[in-house]
Amino acid sequence: TSTRSAEIGKFLCEHPLISKMSFTGSTEVGKKIMAMCASTVKKISLELGGNAPFLVFNSADVKQAVQGAMASKFRASGQTCVCANRILVQDGIYDEFIAEFTKKAKEQTVGDGLNEKTILGPVINQDQYERIIDFVADARDKGAKIITGGKEKKGKNSGFFIEPTIIADVKLSMRVAQEEIFGPVASIIKFKTEEEAIKIANSVDVGLAAYLYSQDLSQVWRVAERLQTGMVGINEGLISSVEAPFGGVKQSGFGREGSKYGMEDYVNMKYICMGNLKDLDRTS
């Protein structure tokens, strides 16, 4: 099917006997699937692209926030839809966070996934490898600081390995602040106020996951409720759980996986109204 995926996908989306489609993948492909399913008015679930903001406020426990950022950013070499993509750090702890984050990133071993000492493996293919290198070059050319990493680890002939990369002083005009990176590159944006952080976090057209670190409980609730995402991790970098509803808003799709809500996406509600029961034959 790898060479005929578009053909098979079209067949499934348009077949009248198939009443439900579920897709996990890019927003671009999700839109095409949605359009094809419209011909038979299918029920669909879409879990599409993410560009997760990771907000760290002045009141946060910095070491705890760095631990969460490491888990969220670098899991699977940064290649999951809920990986932290834009790390927003308040100005009061900005330098401290970068120093601790850089220290931990440099400890990550990059290499063969079959080696038990390896923490980060390669990115999926050459196209993605080159895309990530272009992201880093764009940020550097526009004035960002490459704190660590930013280049291949072993060269293209040995696999598509990229060092864990931290980019500081990122501006919103840079690609790493606008597009989903899907690789081991962390872009760090400085902010001054809570309002500014929320505005930046909500400035993209997708909304799958978000993360925030703060020891201020009122701030936690205030910010979490305003973030335009389907999921929010509070002082936690790993949020996926089979018991929890997984899904997004905006162009990250709709519907949920996991929990009872994920089951409900695969059933239809039916209303049955019965009248004049006294006239029914109750013997059969």
Protein backbone atom coordinates (compact mmCIF):
# COMPACT_ATOMS: atom_id res chain seq x y z
CA THR A 1 0.00 0.00 0.00
CA SER A 2 2.96 2.37 0.38
CA THR A 3 2.94 3.05 -3.36
CA ARG A 4 -0.86 3.27 -3.66
CA SER A 5 -1.85 5.03 -0.45
CA ALA A 6 -3.63 7.92 -2.19
CA GLU A 7 -5.64 5.53 -4.38
CA ILE A 8 -6.63 3.29 -1.48
CA GLY A 9 -7.43 6.26 0.73
CA LYS A 10 -9.75 7.69 -1.92
CA PHE A 11 -11.52 4.34 -2.27
CA LEU A 12 -12.12 4.08 1.48
CA CYS A 13 -13.28 7.68 1.82
CA GLU A 14 -15.79 7.44 -1.01
CA HIS A 15 -17.09 3.88 -0.51
CA PRO A 16 -20.78 3.92 0.54
CA LEU A 17 -20.46 0.89 2.86
CA ILE A 18 -17.84 2.55 5.02
CA SER A 19 -19.56 4.79 7.55
CA LYS A 20 -16.61 6.10 9.57
CA MET A 21 -13.08 7.30 8.80
CA SER A 22 -10.34 8.13 11.28
CA PHE A 23 -7.05 9.70 10.21
CA THR A 24 -3.88 10.74 12.01
CA GLY A 25 -1.43 12.77 9.96
CA SER A 26 -0.78 16.15 8.41
CA THR A 27 -3.34 18.93 8.19
CA GLU A 28 -2.85 19.04 4.41
CA VAL A 29 -3.81 15.40 3.94
CA GLY A 30 -6.59 15.66 6.55
CA LYS A 31 -8.30 18.38 4.52
CA LYS A 32 -8.22 16.15 1.43
CA ILE A 33 -9.71 13.25 3.37
CA MET A 34 -12.42 15.50 4.76
CA ALA A 35 -13.31 16.64 1.23
CA MET A 36 -13.46 13.08 -0.12
CA CYS A 37 -15.62 11.88 2.79
CA ALA A 38 -18.11 14.65 2.04
CA SER A 39 -19.38 12.78 -1.02
CA THR A 40 -20.98 10.16 1.26
CA VAL A 41 -21.34 12.41 4.33
CA LYS A 42 -19.17 10.13 6.45
CA LYS A 43 -18.52 10.60 10.12
CA ILE A 44 -14.81 11.37 10.52
CA SER A 45 -12.19 11.89 13.20
CA LEU A 46 -9.09 13.90 12.35
CA GLU A 47 -5.96 14.16 14.50
CA LEU A 48 -3.77 16.50 12.48
CA GLY A 49 -0.73 18.73 12.83
CA GLY A 50 0.36 20.44 16.01
CA ASN A 51 2.60 23.38 16.88
CA ALA A 52 2.58 23.02 20.64
CA PRO A 53 3.46 26.02 22.81
CA PHE A 54 5.35 25.32 26.04
CA LEU A 55 4.91 28.24 28.44
CA VAL A 56 7.27 28.75 31.38
CA PHE A 57 6.33 31.53 33.80
CA ASN A 58 8.55 33.28 36.35
CA SER A 59 6.98 31.35 39.23
CA ALA A 60 7.85 27.97 37.68
CA ASP A 61 10.27 25.49 39.19
CA VAL A 62 12.96 25.87 36.51
CA LYS A 63 14.48 22.40 36.89
CA GLN A 64 11.04 20.83 36.77
CA ALA A 65 10.19 22.88 33.67
CA VAL A 66 13.41 21.82 31.96
CA GLN A 67 12.68 18.19 32.76
CA GLY A 68 9.23 18.57 31.20
CA ALA A 69 10.63 20.38 28.16
CA MET A 70 13.19 17.61 27.59
CA ALA A 71 10.48 14.96 27.74
CA SER A 72 8.07 16.84 25.51
CA LYS A 73 10.55 18.24 22.98
CA PHE A 74 12.95 15.36 22.41
CA ARG A 75 10.78 12.25 22.69
CA ALA A 76 11.11 10.25 19.45
CA SER A 77 13.69 12.84 18.34
CA GLY A 78 10.97 15.49 18.36
CA GLN A 79 8.79 13.56 15.91
CA THR A 80 5.40 13.40 17.60
CA CYS A 81 2.42 15.65 17.01
CA VAL A 82 2.36 16.81 20.64
CA CYS A 83 6.06 17.64 20.95
CA ALA A 84 6.79 21.10 22.33
CA ASN A 85 7.47 23.26 19.29
CA ARG A 86 7.61 26.82 20.64
CA ILE A 87 9.09 27.22 24.11
CA LEU A 88 7.96 30.54 25.60
CA VAL A 89 9.94 31.61 28.66
CA GLN A 90 9.22 34.67 30.80
CA ASP A 91 12.02 37.21 31.01
CA GLY A 92 12.69 36.76 34.74
CA ILE A 93 13.96 33.18 34.32
CA TYR A 94 14.90 33.22 30.63
CA ASP A 95 18.69 32.93 31.04
CA GLU A 96 18.44 30.41 33.87
CA PHE A 97 16.10 28.20 31.85
CA ILE A 98 18.33 28.27 28.76
CA ALA A 99 21.43 27.39 30.79
CA GLU A 100 19.77 24.38 32.43
CA PHE A 101 18.03 23.28 29.23
CA THR A 102 21.30 23.45 27.27
CA LYS A 103 23.09 21.39 29.91
CA LYS A 104 20.48 18.63 29.70
CA ALA A 105 20.32 18.70 25.89
CA LYS A 106 24.07 18.18 25.62
CA GLU A 107 23.73 15.01 27.70
CA GLN A 108 21.55 13.34 25.06
CA THR A 109 23.30 10.53 23.16
CA VAL A 110 22.51 10.49 19.44
CA GLY A 111 22.96 7.32 17.41
CA ASP A 112 21.75 3.85 16.52
CA GLY A 113 18.44 3.09 18.17
CA LEU A 114 19.55 -0.50 18.83
CA ASN A 115 22.33 0.76 21.08
CA GLU A 116 21.03 0.80 24.65
CA LYS A 117 22.95 4.02 25.38
CA THR A 118 21.21 5.91 22.58
CA ILE A 119 18.54 8.44 23.55
CA LEU A 120 17.92 10.19 20.21
CA GLY A 121 17.69 8.37 16.90
CA PRO A 122 17.50 9.77 13.36
CA VAL A 123 14.73 11.78 11.76
CA ILE A 124 12.51 9.82 9.44
CA ASN A 125 13.94 10.58 5.98
CA GLN A 126 16.10 12.89 3.87
CA ASP A 127 13.29 15.34 3.10
CA GLN A 128 12.62 15.90 6.78
CA TYR A 129 16.33 16.07 7.54
CA GLU A 130 16.85 18.83 4.97
CA ARG A 131 13.71 20.64 6.12
CA ILE A 132 15.02 20.79 9.70
CA ILE A 133 18.45 22.02 8.59
CA ASP A 134 16.66 24.75 6.59
CA PHE A 135 14.69 25.75 9.71
CA VAL A 136 17.91 26.21 11.65
CA ALA A 137 19.54 28.19 8.83
CA ASP A 138 16.50 30.47 8.55
CA ALA A 139 16.60 31.22 12.27
CA ARG A 140 20.34 31.87 12.22
CA ASP A 141 20.06 34.16 9.19
CA LYS A 142 17.32 36.18 10.88
CA GLY A 143 19.31 36.80 14.05
CA ALA A 144 18.54 33.92 16.41
CA LYS A 145 21.29 32.34 18.51
CA ILE A 146 22.15 28.68 18.04
CA ILE A 147 23.04 27.77 21.61
CA THR A 148 23.89 24.15 20.88
CA GLY A 149 23.53 21.69 18.00
CA GLY A 150 22.15 22.78 14.66
CA LYS A 151 23.93 20.29 12.44
CA GLU A 152 23.95 16.63 11.49
CA LYS A 153 25.55 14.23 13.93
CA LYS A 154 27.14 11.67 11.65
CA GLY A 155 26.47 12.77 8.10
CA LYS A 156 23.87 11.77 5.55
CA ASN A 157 25.63 8.54 4.53
CA SER A 158 25.28 7.20 8.07
CA GLY A 159 21.65 8.17 8.55
CA PHE A 160 19.71 11.34 9.12
CA PHE A 161 20.96 12.20 12.59
CA ILE A 162 20.63 15.72 13.94
CA GLU A 163 22.07 16.89 17.24
CA PRO A 164 19.62 18.16 19.85
CA THR A 165 19.42 21.83 18.98
CA ILE A 166 18.46 24.85 21.07
CA ILE A 167 17.75 28.17 19.37
CA ALA A 168 17.37 31.25 21.57
CA ASP A 169 16.07 34.75 20.90
CA VAL A 170 13.59 33.43 18.35
CA LYS A 171 11.34 35.99 16.65
CA LEU A 172 7.82 35.28 15.45
CA SER A 173 8.84 35.88 11.83
CA MET A 174 11.12 32.83 11.88
CA ARG A 175 9.97 29.50 10.48
CA VAL A 176 10.72 27.71 13.76
CA ALA A 177 8.08 29.92 15.39
CA GLN A 178 5.44 29.42 12.70
CA GLU A 179 5.75 25.85 11.40
CA GLU A 180 5.75 22.47 13.06
CA ILE A 181 9.40 21.40 13.23
CA PHE A 182 8.98 17.65 13.80
CA GLY A 183 12.59 17.19 14.83
CA PRO A 184 15.03 17.68 17.74
CA VAL A 185 15.10 21.48 17.50
CA ALA A 186 13.83 23.66 20.35
CA SER A 187 12.97 27.28 19.59
CA ILE A 188 12.89 29.58 22.63
CA ILE A 189 10.91 32.82 22.67
CA LYS A 190 11.17 35.39 25.46
CA PHE A 191 8.00 37.06 26.75
CA LYS A 192 7.27 39.69 29.38
CA THR A 193 3.61 39.34 30.35
CA GLU A 194 1.01 36.62 30.66
CA GLU A 195 -1.13 38.33 28.04
CA GLU A 196 1.77 38.37 25.57
CA ALA A 197 2.43 34.66 26.13
CA ILE A 198 -1.19 33.71 25.49
CA LYS A 199 -1.29 35.84 22.36
CA ILE A 200 1.83 34.16 20.96
CA ALA A 201 0.61 30.68 21.91
CA ASN A 202 -2.72 31.21 20.13
CA SER A 203 -1.26 32.93 17.06
CA VAL A 204 -1.07 29.81 14.87
CA ASP A 205 -3.88 28.07 12.98
CA VAL A 206 -3.54 24.74 14.79
CA GLY A 207 -4.29 23.76 18.38
CA LEU A 208 -3.48 20.22 19.47
CA ALA A 209 -1.50 20.36 22.73
CA ALA A 210 -0.04 23.03 24.99
CA TYR A 211 2.05 22.96 28.14
CA LEU A 212 2.48 25.48 30.94
CA TYR A 213 4.69 25.61 33.99
CA SER A 214 3.76 27.83 36.93
CA GLN A 215 3.42 27.54 40.71
CA ASP A 216 0.61 30.12 40.74
CA LEU A 217 -2.64 28.15 40.84
CA SER A 218 -4.84 31.06 39.76
CA GLN A 219 -2.52 31.67 36.80
CA VAL A 220 -2.62 27.98 35.90
CA TRP A 221 -6.41 28.01 35.57
CA ARG A 222 -6.53 31.41 33.90
CA VAL A 223 -4.01 30.52 31.21
CA ALA A 224 -5.16 26.94 30.61
CA GLU A 225 -8.71 28.09 29.93
CA ARG A 226 -7.55 30.65 27.35
CA LEU A 227 -5.15 28.42 25.41
CA GLN A 228 -6.74 27.41 22.11
CA THR A 229 -5.77 23.74 22.19
CA GLY A 230 -7.54 20.47 22.79
CA MET A 231 -5.14 19.40 25.55
CA VAL A 232 -3.08 21.23 28.17
CA GLY A 233 -0.31 19.78 30.32
CA ILE A 234 0.18 21.70 33.58
CA ASN A 235 3.62 21.18 35.14
CA GLU A 236 3.74 17.99 33.07
CA GLY A 237 5.58 17.26 29.82
CA LEU A 238 3.98 13.93 28.92
CA ILE A 239 0.21 14.17 28.64
CA SER A 240 -0.91 11.20 26.53
CA SER A 241 -2.94 8.55 28.34
CA VAL A 242 -5.42 5.95 27.13
CA GLU A 243 -7.87 7.16 29.79
CA ALA A 244 -7.79 10.75 28.54
CA PRO A 245 -9.46 12.29 25.47
CA PHE A 246 -6.77 12.99 22.86
CA GLY A 247 -7.46 15.52 20.11
CA GLY A 248 -7.29 19.12 19.00
CA VAL A 249 -9.12 22.20 17.81
CA LYS A 250 -8.75 24.61 14.90
CA GLN A 251 -6.80 23.00 12.05
CA SER A 252 -5.50 20.26 14.32
CA GLY A 253 -8.76 18.47 13.61
CA PHE A 254 -11.77 17.26 15.57
CA GLY A 255 -13.00 14.16 17.33
CA ARG A 256 -11.20 12.37 20.15
CA GLU A 257 -9.18 9.22 20.67
CA GLY A 258 -8.98 7.49 24.04
CA SER A 259 -11.38 7.67 26.99
CA LYS A 260 -15.14 7.20 26.68
CA TYR A 261 -15.24 10.14 24.28
CA GLY A 262 -13.06 8.23 21.84
CA MET A 263 -15.57 5.38 21.90
CA GLU A 264 -18.44 7.78 21.32
CA ASP A 265 -16.80 8.93 18.08
CA TYR A 266 -17.52 5.46 16.67
CA VAL A 267 -21.22 5.27 17.49
CA ASN A 268 -24.30 7.23 16.50
CA MET A 269 -27.04 8.33 18.85
CA LYS A 270 -30.49 7.02 17.99
CA TYR A 271 -33.72 8.31 19.48
CA ILE A 272 -36.64 5.82 19.58
CA CYS A 273 -40.07 7.14 20.54
CA MET A 274 -42.73 4.54 21.33
CA GLY A 275 -46.39 5.49 21.68
CA ASN A 276 -49.64 3.60 22.32
CA LEU A 277 -47.84 0.80 24.15
CA LYS A 278 -51.09 -0.72 25.38
CA ASP A 279 -51.92 -1.73 21.81
CA LEU A 280 -48.67 -3.66 21.25
CA ASP A 281 -48.53 -7.45 21.20
CA ARG A 282 -46.36 -8.36 24.21
CA THR A 283 -46.43 -12.14 23.68
CA SER A 284 -43.95 -12.34 20.79
